[in-house]
Amino acid sequence: MHADIQQVKEKVGEKADLVRQLNGELAKAVVGQEHMVSRLMVGLLTEGHVLLEGVPGLAKTTVITALAQALGVDFSRIQFTPDLLPADLIGTMIYQPSDGKFTTRRGPVFSNLILADEINRAPSKVQSALLEAMQERQVTIGDKTYQLDRPFLVLATQNPIEQEGTYPLPEAQVDRFMLKVNITYPEQHEERKVLDMALDETKRPINAVLQVKDIFEMQEVARMIYIDDQIKGYIVNLVRATRDPTAFKLKGIAELIDFGASPRASIFLGKGARAIAFLNGRGYVTPQDVKDIAYDVLRHRVILTYEAEAEEKTADDVIREILNAVPVP
């Protein structure tokens, strides 16, 4: 097994230059925000959808647009608004009077990378139109089903729910996002650099540094990364602790959780930990890799009670208690 891990590490090293090139292109468009960039890389390596949440002006849309340009894939930006219709996303059937037949007009969802900008500005019927595409990578228009091209990645942005004019996302759709990443304000020195870049009228063009085959090869290497059985057990215990905290001697947590995470969380924790190991240049997963990705995988899957809200407890607070309580292998 040791030799296999070494071989995987060598393969990871071979792909490291592609990651550096990709990060270099993204650095032309965004300053700082390393956590957001790394989580977009995790989404790319695992083909997992990513939800970015933060107040306006934190470069969420900018970095996703830059990522699409650097990847050189088919890209669609969908601006979610209250008057958007499901057909505006997936497409519709159009009647042709000349021959009395219907033809299919495909919507913008037929792309490799989808930017669902301000996804919580549209009502739930529009948001739900993405469910089939995000899970099955297919779209049904009329009575015909169309397979979507791979890779297929939905990168969505949203403002916090308390912002005016927003709608909460349906739980079924939220669960289909592999990661929910909270975006915070930049540091002082980073914001100064943002200002310098904005005042400098010379724009550095973003070049396409990867091809589709490079993305597939990186994803294949990420799938080879070794996860020990004890790490798998640790992942399952973390997720089960969100459902039954008392079984893990978590005092005062059970009354804060209304619903715990689904088995999909276990799958995404494993895939995400592999991607973190890949980005760190290793051929195996450590418990710290699981901890590093745990907040982004679990925060939108742990549904809190009204009591938690009254105590001003967040999902991250609960996850922190779980990570501290569950034994690490």
Protein backbone atom coordinates (compact mmCIF):
# COMPACT_ATOMS: atom_id res chain seq x y z
CA MET A 1 0.00 0.00 0.00
CA HIS A 2 2.91 2.36 0.78
CA ALA A 3 4.17 2.04 -2.80
CA ASP A 4 0.71 2.84 -4.13
CA ILE A 5 0.54 6.00 -2.02
CA GLN A 6 3.95 7.05 -3.30
CA GLN A 7 2.80 6.55 -6.88
CA VAL A 8 -0.29 8.66 -6.25
CA LYS A 9 1.86 11.37 -4.66
CA GLU A 10 4.01 11.43 -7.80
CA LYS A 11 0.91 11.81 -9.96
CA VAL A 12 -0.29 14.65 -7.72
CA GLY A 13 3.09 16.31 -8.13
CA GLU A 14 2.82 16.04 -11.90
CA LYS A 15 -0.45 18.02 -11.78
CA ALA A 16 0.81 20.61 -9.30
CA ASP A 17 1.99 22.91 -12.09
CA LEU A 18 -1.54 23.07 -13.51
CA VAL A 19 -2.86 24.17 -10.11
CA ARG A 20 -0.15 26.84 -9.86
CA GLN A 21 -0.96 28.15 -13.32
CA LEU A 22 -4.66 28.28 -12.48
CA ASN A 23 -4.01 30.13 -9.22
CA GLY A 24 -1.74 32.53 -11.07
CA GLU A 25 -4.48 33.48 -13.50
CA LEU A 26 -7.04 33.93 -10.71
CA ALA A 27 -4.60 36.20 -8.87
CA LYS A 28 -4.92 38.64 -11.78
CA ALA A 29 -8.59 39.17 -10.92
CA VAL A 30 -8.86 38.79 -7.14
CA VAL A 31 -6.68 39.75 -4.19
CA GLY A 32 -6.59 37.55 -1.12
CA GLN A 33 -9.69 35.39 -0.58
CA GLU A 34 -7.48 32.29 -0.49
CA HIS A 35 -10.19 30.27 1.23
CA MET A 36 -12.73 31.02 -1.50
CA VAL A 37 -10.22 30.18 -4.25
CA SER A 38 -9.18 26.91 -2.60
CA ARG A 39 -12.80 25.83 -2.18
CA LEU A 40 -13.49 26.53 -5.85
CA MET A 41 -10.50 24.27 -6.57
CA VAL A 42 -12.07 21.59 -4.38
CA GLY A 43 -15.29 21.90 -6.36
CA LEU A 44 -13.37 21.60 -9.63
CA LEU A 45 -11.42 18.51 -8.49
CA THR A 46 -14.54 16.72 -7.25
CA GLU A 47 -17.04 18.18 -9.76
CA GLY A 48 -19.04 19.34 -6.75
CA HIS A 49 -21.26 22.41 -6.84
CA VAL A 50 -20.27 25.37 -4.68
CA LEU A 51 -22.42 28.04 -3.03
CA LEU A 52 -20.66 31.29 -2.10
CA GLU A 53 -22.41 33.49 0.46
CA GLY A 54 -21.38 37.02 1.35
CA VAL A 55 -22.43 40.63 1.16
CA PRO A 56 -22.12 42.37 -2.23
CA GLY A 57 -18.69 43.56 -3.34
CA LEU A 58 -16.50 40.68 -2.12
CA ALA A 59 -15.44 39.48 -5.62
CA LYS A 60 -17.65 36.38 -5.68
CA THR A 61 -18.82 36.91 -9.26
CA THR A 62 -15.41 38.19 -10.34
CA VAL A 63 -13.49 35.10 -9.24
CA ILE A 64 -15.98 32.68 -10.81
CA THR A 65 -15.86 34.55 -14.12
CA ALA A 66 -12.07 34.51 -13.96
CA LEU A 67 -12.09 30.76 -13.23
CA ALA A 68 -14.22 30.12 -16.32
CA GLN A 69 -11.81 32.13 -18.47
CA ALA A 70 -8.77 30.33 -17.05
CA LEU A 71 -10.36 26.92 -17.66
CA GLY A 72 -11.41 27.73 -21.23
CA VAL A 73 -14.71 25.84 -20.89
CA ASP A 74 -18.22 26.70 -22.04
CA PHE A 75 -19.55 29.25 -19.57
CA SER A 76 -22.99 30.70 -18.86
CA ARG A 77 -23.84 33.44 -16.41
CA ILE A 78 -27.44 33.47 -15.23
CA GLN A 79 -28.58 36.53 -13.32
CA PHE A 80 -31.32 35.38 -10.95
CA THR A 81 -34.16 37.88 -10.60
CA PRO A 82 -37.71 37.65 -9.18
CA ASP A 83 -39.24 37.51 -12.68
CA LEU A 84 -37.02 34.67 -13.94
CA LEU A 85 -38.82 31.55 -15.21
CA PRO A 86 -37.64 27.90 -15.14
CA ALA A 87 -37.66 27.88 -18.96
CA ASP A 88 -35.11 30.73 -18.87
CA LEU A 89 -32.68 28.26 -17.27
CA ILE A 90 -33.25 24.87 -18.82
CA GLY A 91 -34.94 25.80 -22.13
CA THR A 92 -38.36 25.16 -23.61
CA MET A 93 -40.31 23.77 -26.56
CA ILE A 94 -41.11 26.26 -29.31
CA TYR A 95 -43.96 25.74 -31.77
CA GLN A 96 -43.07 26.18 -35.44
CA PRO A 97 -46.18 27.28 -37.44
CA SER A 98 -44.49 26.45 -40.76
CA ASP A 99 -44.52 22.69 -40.19
CA GLY A 100 -46.72 22.41 -37.09
CA LYS A 101 -43.93 20.84 -35.03
CA PHE A 102 -42.18 21.73 -31.79
CA THR A 103 -38.43 22.35 -31.62
CA THR A 104 -36.29 22.45 -28.52
CA ARG A 105 -34.52 25.61 -27.50
CA ARG A 106 -31.80 24.76 -24.99
CA GLY A 107 -31.25 27.12 -22.09
CA PRO A 108 -27.99 28.43 -20.60
CA VAL A 109 -27.74 25.42 -18.29
CA PHE A 110 -26.22 23.54 -21.26
CA SER A 111 -22.69 24.69 -20.43
CA ASN A 112 -19.72 23.27 -18.54
CA LEU A 113 -19.63 25.97 -15.88
CA ILE A 114 -22.74 27.81 -14.67
CA LEU A 115 -22.58 31.02 -12.66
CA ALA A 116 -25.91 31.30 -10.85
CA ASP A 117 -25.48 34.89 -9.75
CA GLU A 118 -27.48 35.98 -6.69
CA ILE A 119 -29.36 32.70 -6.76
CA ASN A 120 -31.54 33.66 -3.80
CA ARG A 121 -33.02 36.63 -5.68
CA ALA A 122 -35.35 34.25 -7.56
CA PRO A 123 -38.32 32.33 -6.08
CA SER A 124 -38.10 28.64 -5.24
CA LYS A 125 -39.75 27.36 -8.45
CA VAL A 126 -36.84 28.81 -10.45
CA GLN A 127 -34.19 27.57 -8.03
CA SER A 128 -35.75 24.09 -8.13
CA ALA A 129 -35.37 24.00 -11.91
CA LEU A 130 -31.69 23.26 -11.30
CA LEU A 131 -32.32 20.18 -9.14
CA GLU A 132 -32.22 17.57 -11.91
CA ALA A 133 -29.24 19.20 -13.60
CA MET A 134 -27.22 19.38 -10.38
CA GLN A 135 -27.87 15.80 -9.28
CA GLU A 136 -28.31 13.71 -12.43
CA ARG A 137 -26.38 15.98 -14.84
CA GLN A 138 -29.35 15.90 -17.17
CA VAL A 139 -32.28 18.13 -18.13
CA THR A 140 -35.82 17.17 -19.14
CA ILE A 141 -37.57 19.45 -21.63
CA GLY A 142 -41.05 18.31 -22.63
CA ASP A 143 -40.92 14.51 -22.84
CA LYS A 144 -37.25 14.27 -23.76
CA THR A 145 -34.20 14.05 -21.49
CA TYR A 146 -30.86 15.57 -22.50
CA GLN A 147 -27.52 14.66 -20.95
CA LEU A 148 -25.30 17.59 -19.98
CA ASP A 149 -21.69 17.76 -21.10
CA ARG A 150 -18.97 17.03 -18.55
CA PRO A 151 -17.51 18.66 -16.64
CA PHE A 152 -20.66 20.30 -15.29
CA LEU A 153 -20.32 22.64 -12.35
CA VAL A 154 -22.78 25.06 -10.77
CA LEU A 155 -21.10 27.90 -8.89
CA ALA A 156 -23.73 30.03 -7.20
CA THR A 157 -23.51 33.28 -5.28
CA GLN A 158 -25.99 34.59 -2.77
CA ASN A 159 -26.38 37.45 -0.35
CA PRO A 160 -27.21 36.67 3.28
CA ILE A 161 -30.87 35.85 3.81
CA GLU A 162 -31.39 38.93 5.95
CA GLN A 163 -30.66 41.13 2.92
CA GLU A 164 -33.81 42.70 1.44
CA GLY A 165 -35.36 41.02 -1.60
CA THR A 166 -33.97 37.51 -1.09
CA TYR A 167 -35.64 34.09 -0.88
CA PRO A 168 -34.39 31.11 1.15
CA LEU A 169 -33.20 28.23 -1.04
CA PRO A 170 -35.21 24.97 -0.85
CA GLU A 171 -33.50 22.46 1.43
CA ALA A 172 -33.38 19.85 -1.36
CA GLN A 173 -31.38 22.23 -3.51
CA VAL A 174 -29.11 23.46 -0.73
CA ASP A 175 -28.15 19.83 -0.01
CA ARG A 176 -27.02 19.40 -3.62
CA PHE A 177 -24.30 21.97 -3.14
CA MET A 178 -21.20 20.17 -2.02
CA LEU A 179 -19.85 23.26 -0.25
CA LYS A 180 -21.27 26.41 1.22
CA VAL A 181 -18.47 28.95 1.63
CA ASN A 182 -18.88 32.08 3.74
CA ILE A 183 -17.00 35.00 2.23
CA THR A 184 -15.66 37.66 4.60
CA TYR A 185 -14.13 41.09 4.17
CA PRO A 186 -10.47 41.28 3.05
CA GLU A 187 -7.66 42.26 5.38
CA GLN A 188 -6.54 45.90 5.41
CA HIS A 189 -3.43 45.32 3.26
CA GLU A 190 -5.48 43.24 0.83
CA GLU A 191 -8.12 45.94 0.50
CA ARG A 192 -5.40 48.50 -0.24
CA LYS A 193 -4.14 46.26 -3.03
CA VAL A 194 -7.70 45.91 -4.36
CA LEU A 195 -7.89 49.70 -4.48
CA ASP A 196 -4.57 49.93 -6.34
CA MET A 197 -5.75 47.38 -8.90
CA ALA A 198 -9.06 49.18 -9.40
CA LEU A 199 -7.36 52.53 -9.94
CA ASP A 200 -4.87 51.03 -12.37
CA GLU A 201 -6.60 51.19 -15.76
CA THR A 202 -4.39 48.52 -17.32
CA LYS A 203 -6.19 45.19 -17.16
CA ARG A 204 -4.21 41.96 -17.21
CA PRO A 205 -5.98 39.49 -19.51
CA ILE A 206 -6.79 36.08 -18.08
CA ASN A 207 -5.50 33.26 -20.25
CA ALA A 208 -6.96 29.78 -20.63
CA VAL A 209 -4.27 27.58 -19.04
CA LEU A 210 -6.19 24.29 -18.83
CA GLN A 211 -8.02 22.12 -21.29
CA VAL A 212 -10.97 19.84 -20.55
CA LYS A 213 -8.69 16.79 -20.64
CA ASP A 214 -6.50 18.40 -17.96
CA ILE A 215 -9.55 18.80 -15.71
CA PHE A 216 -10.50 15.14 -16.19
CA GLU A 217 -6.96 14.00 -15.46
CA MET A 218 -6.79 16.06 -12.26
CA GLN A 219 -10.14 14.65 -11.13
CA GLU A 220 -8.93 11.11 -11.83
CA VAL A 221 -5.78 11.64 -9.73
CA ALA A 222 -7.87 13.09 -6.89
CA ARG A 223 -10.01 9.94 -6.91
CA MET A 224 -6.87 7.81 -6.45
CA ILE A 225 -5.86 9.47 -3.17
CA TYR A 226 -5.89 6.93 -0.35
CA ILE A 227 -8.33 7.17 2.56
CA ASP A 228 -7.67 4.79 5.44
CA ASP A 229 -10.59 2.89 6.97
CA GLN A 230 -10.08 4.75 10.25
CA ILE A 231 -10.47 8.08 8.43
CA LYS A 232 -13.67 6.78 6.82
CA GLY A 233 -14.95 5.83 10.25
CA TYR A 234 -14.06 9.31 11.53
CA ILE A 235 -16.05 10.90 8.67
CA VAL A 236 -19.11 8.78 9.42
CA ASN A 237 -18.87 9.58 13.14
CA LEU A 238 -18.75 13.33 12.45
CA VAL A 239 -21.89 13.15 10.34
CA ARG A 240 -23.72 10.88 12.79
CA ALA A 241 -22.84 13.27 15.61
CA THR A 242 -24.95 15.91 13.87
CA ARG A 243 -27.95 13.55 14.10
CA ASP A 244 -27.39 12.04 17.55
CA PRO A 245 -25.10 14.32 19.59
CA THR A 246 -25.88 12.54 22.87
CA ALA A 247 -24.27 9.35 21.55
CA PHE A 248 -20.99 11.26 21.41
CA LYS A 249 -21.44 12.88 24.84
CA LEU A 250 -22.12 16.31 23.39
CA LYS A 251 -23.90 18.10 26.20
CA GLY A 252 -26.15 20.99 25.28
CA ILE A 253 -25.93 20.38 21.52
CA ALA A 254 -28.92 18.11 20.93
CA GLU A 255 -31.46 20.86 21.64
CA LEU A 256 -29.70 23.15 19.15
CA ILE A 257 -30.01 20.78 16.17
CA ASP A 258 -33.35 20.28 14.44
CA PHE A 259 -32.04 18.06 11.62
CA GLY A 260 -28.59 16.61 11.11
CA ALA A 261 -26.64 16.02 7.93
CA SER A 262 -27.62 13.35 5.39
CA PRO A 263 -25.36 10.55 4.09
CA ARG A 264 -24.57 12.86 1.19
CA ALA A 265 -22.50 14.83 3.72
CA SER A 266 -20.34 11.75 4.40
CA ILE A 267 -19.71 11.33 0.68
CA PHE A 268 -18.79 14.98 0.23
CA LEU A 269 -16.54 14.96 3.31
CA GLY A 270 -14.59 12.08 1.80
CA LYS A 271 -14.34 13.66 -1.63
CA GLY A 272 -13.49 17.06 -0.18
CA ALA A 273 -10.78 15.63 2.06
CA ARG A 274 -9.22 13.96 -0.96
CA ALA A 275 -9.22 17.29 -2.81
CA ILE A 276 -7.57 19.03 0.17
CA ALA A 277 -4.88 16.33 0.21
CA PHE A 278 -4.39 16.86 -3.54
CA LEU A 279 -3.94 20.61 -3.08
CA ASN A 280 -1.44 19.91 -0.29
CA GLY A 281 0.56 17.59 -2.55
CA ARG A 282 -0.15 14.34 -0.69
CA GLY A 283 -1.31 10.93 -1.86
CA TYR A 284 -3.28 10.16 1.30
CA VAL A 285 -5.91 11.83 3.52
CA THR A 286 -5.25 12.92 7.11
CA PRO A 287 -7.82 13.73 9.80
CA GLN A 288 -6.84 17.39 9.46
CA ASP A 289 -7.95 17.32 5.81
CA VAL A 290 -11.38 16.22 7.01
CA LYS A 291 -11.46 18.98 9.63
CA ASP A 292 -10.37 21.60 7.08
CA ILE A 293 -13.32 20.88 4.78
CA ALA A 294 -15.87 20.01 7.48
CA TYR A 295 -17.30 23.51 8.00
CA ASP A 296 -17.92 24.09 4.29
CA VAL A 297 -19.55 20.66 3.84
CA LEU A 298 -21.71 20.69 6.98
CA ARG A 299 -22.77 24.28 7.68
CA HIS A 300 -25.71 24.19 5.24
CA ARG A 301 -26.73 20.67 6.24
CA VAL A 302 -27.01 21.19 9.99
CA ILE A 303 -30.45 22.74 10.52
CA LEU A 304 -30.69 24.58 13.82
CA THR A 305 -33.66 24.94 16.17
CA TYR A 306 -35.34 28.16 17.24
CA GLU A 307 -33.58 27.75 20.57
CA ALA A 308 -30.22 27.93 18.80
CA GLU A 309 -31.28 31.12 17.06
CA ALA A 310 -32.45 32.57 20.38
CA GLU A 311 -29.03 31.81 21.85
CA GLU A 312 -27.40 33.31 18.72
CA LYS A 313 -25.68 30.03 17.97
CA THR A 314 -24.61 29.38 14.36
CA ALA A 315 -24.07 26.14 12.49
CA ASP A 316 -20.33 26.79 12.66
CA ASP A 317 -20.55 26.91 16.47
CA VAL A 318 -22.23 23.52 16.52
CA ILE A 319 -19.75 22.02 14.04
CA ARG A 320 -16.86 23.31 16.16
CA GLU A 321 -18.25 21.51 19.22
CA ILE A 322 -18.63 18.30 17.21
CA LEU A 323 -15.09 18.47 15.84
CA ASN A 324 -13.76 18.96 19.37
CA ALA A 325 -15.78 16.05 20.78
CA VAL A 326 -15.53 13.28 18.18
CA PRO A 327 -12.33 11.22 18.75
CA VAL A 328 -9.69 11.67 16.06
CA PRO A 329 -8.07 8.45 14.79
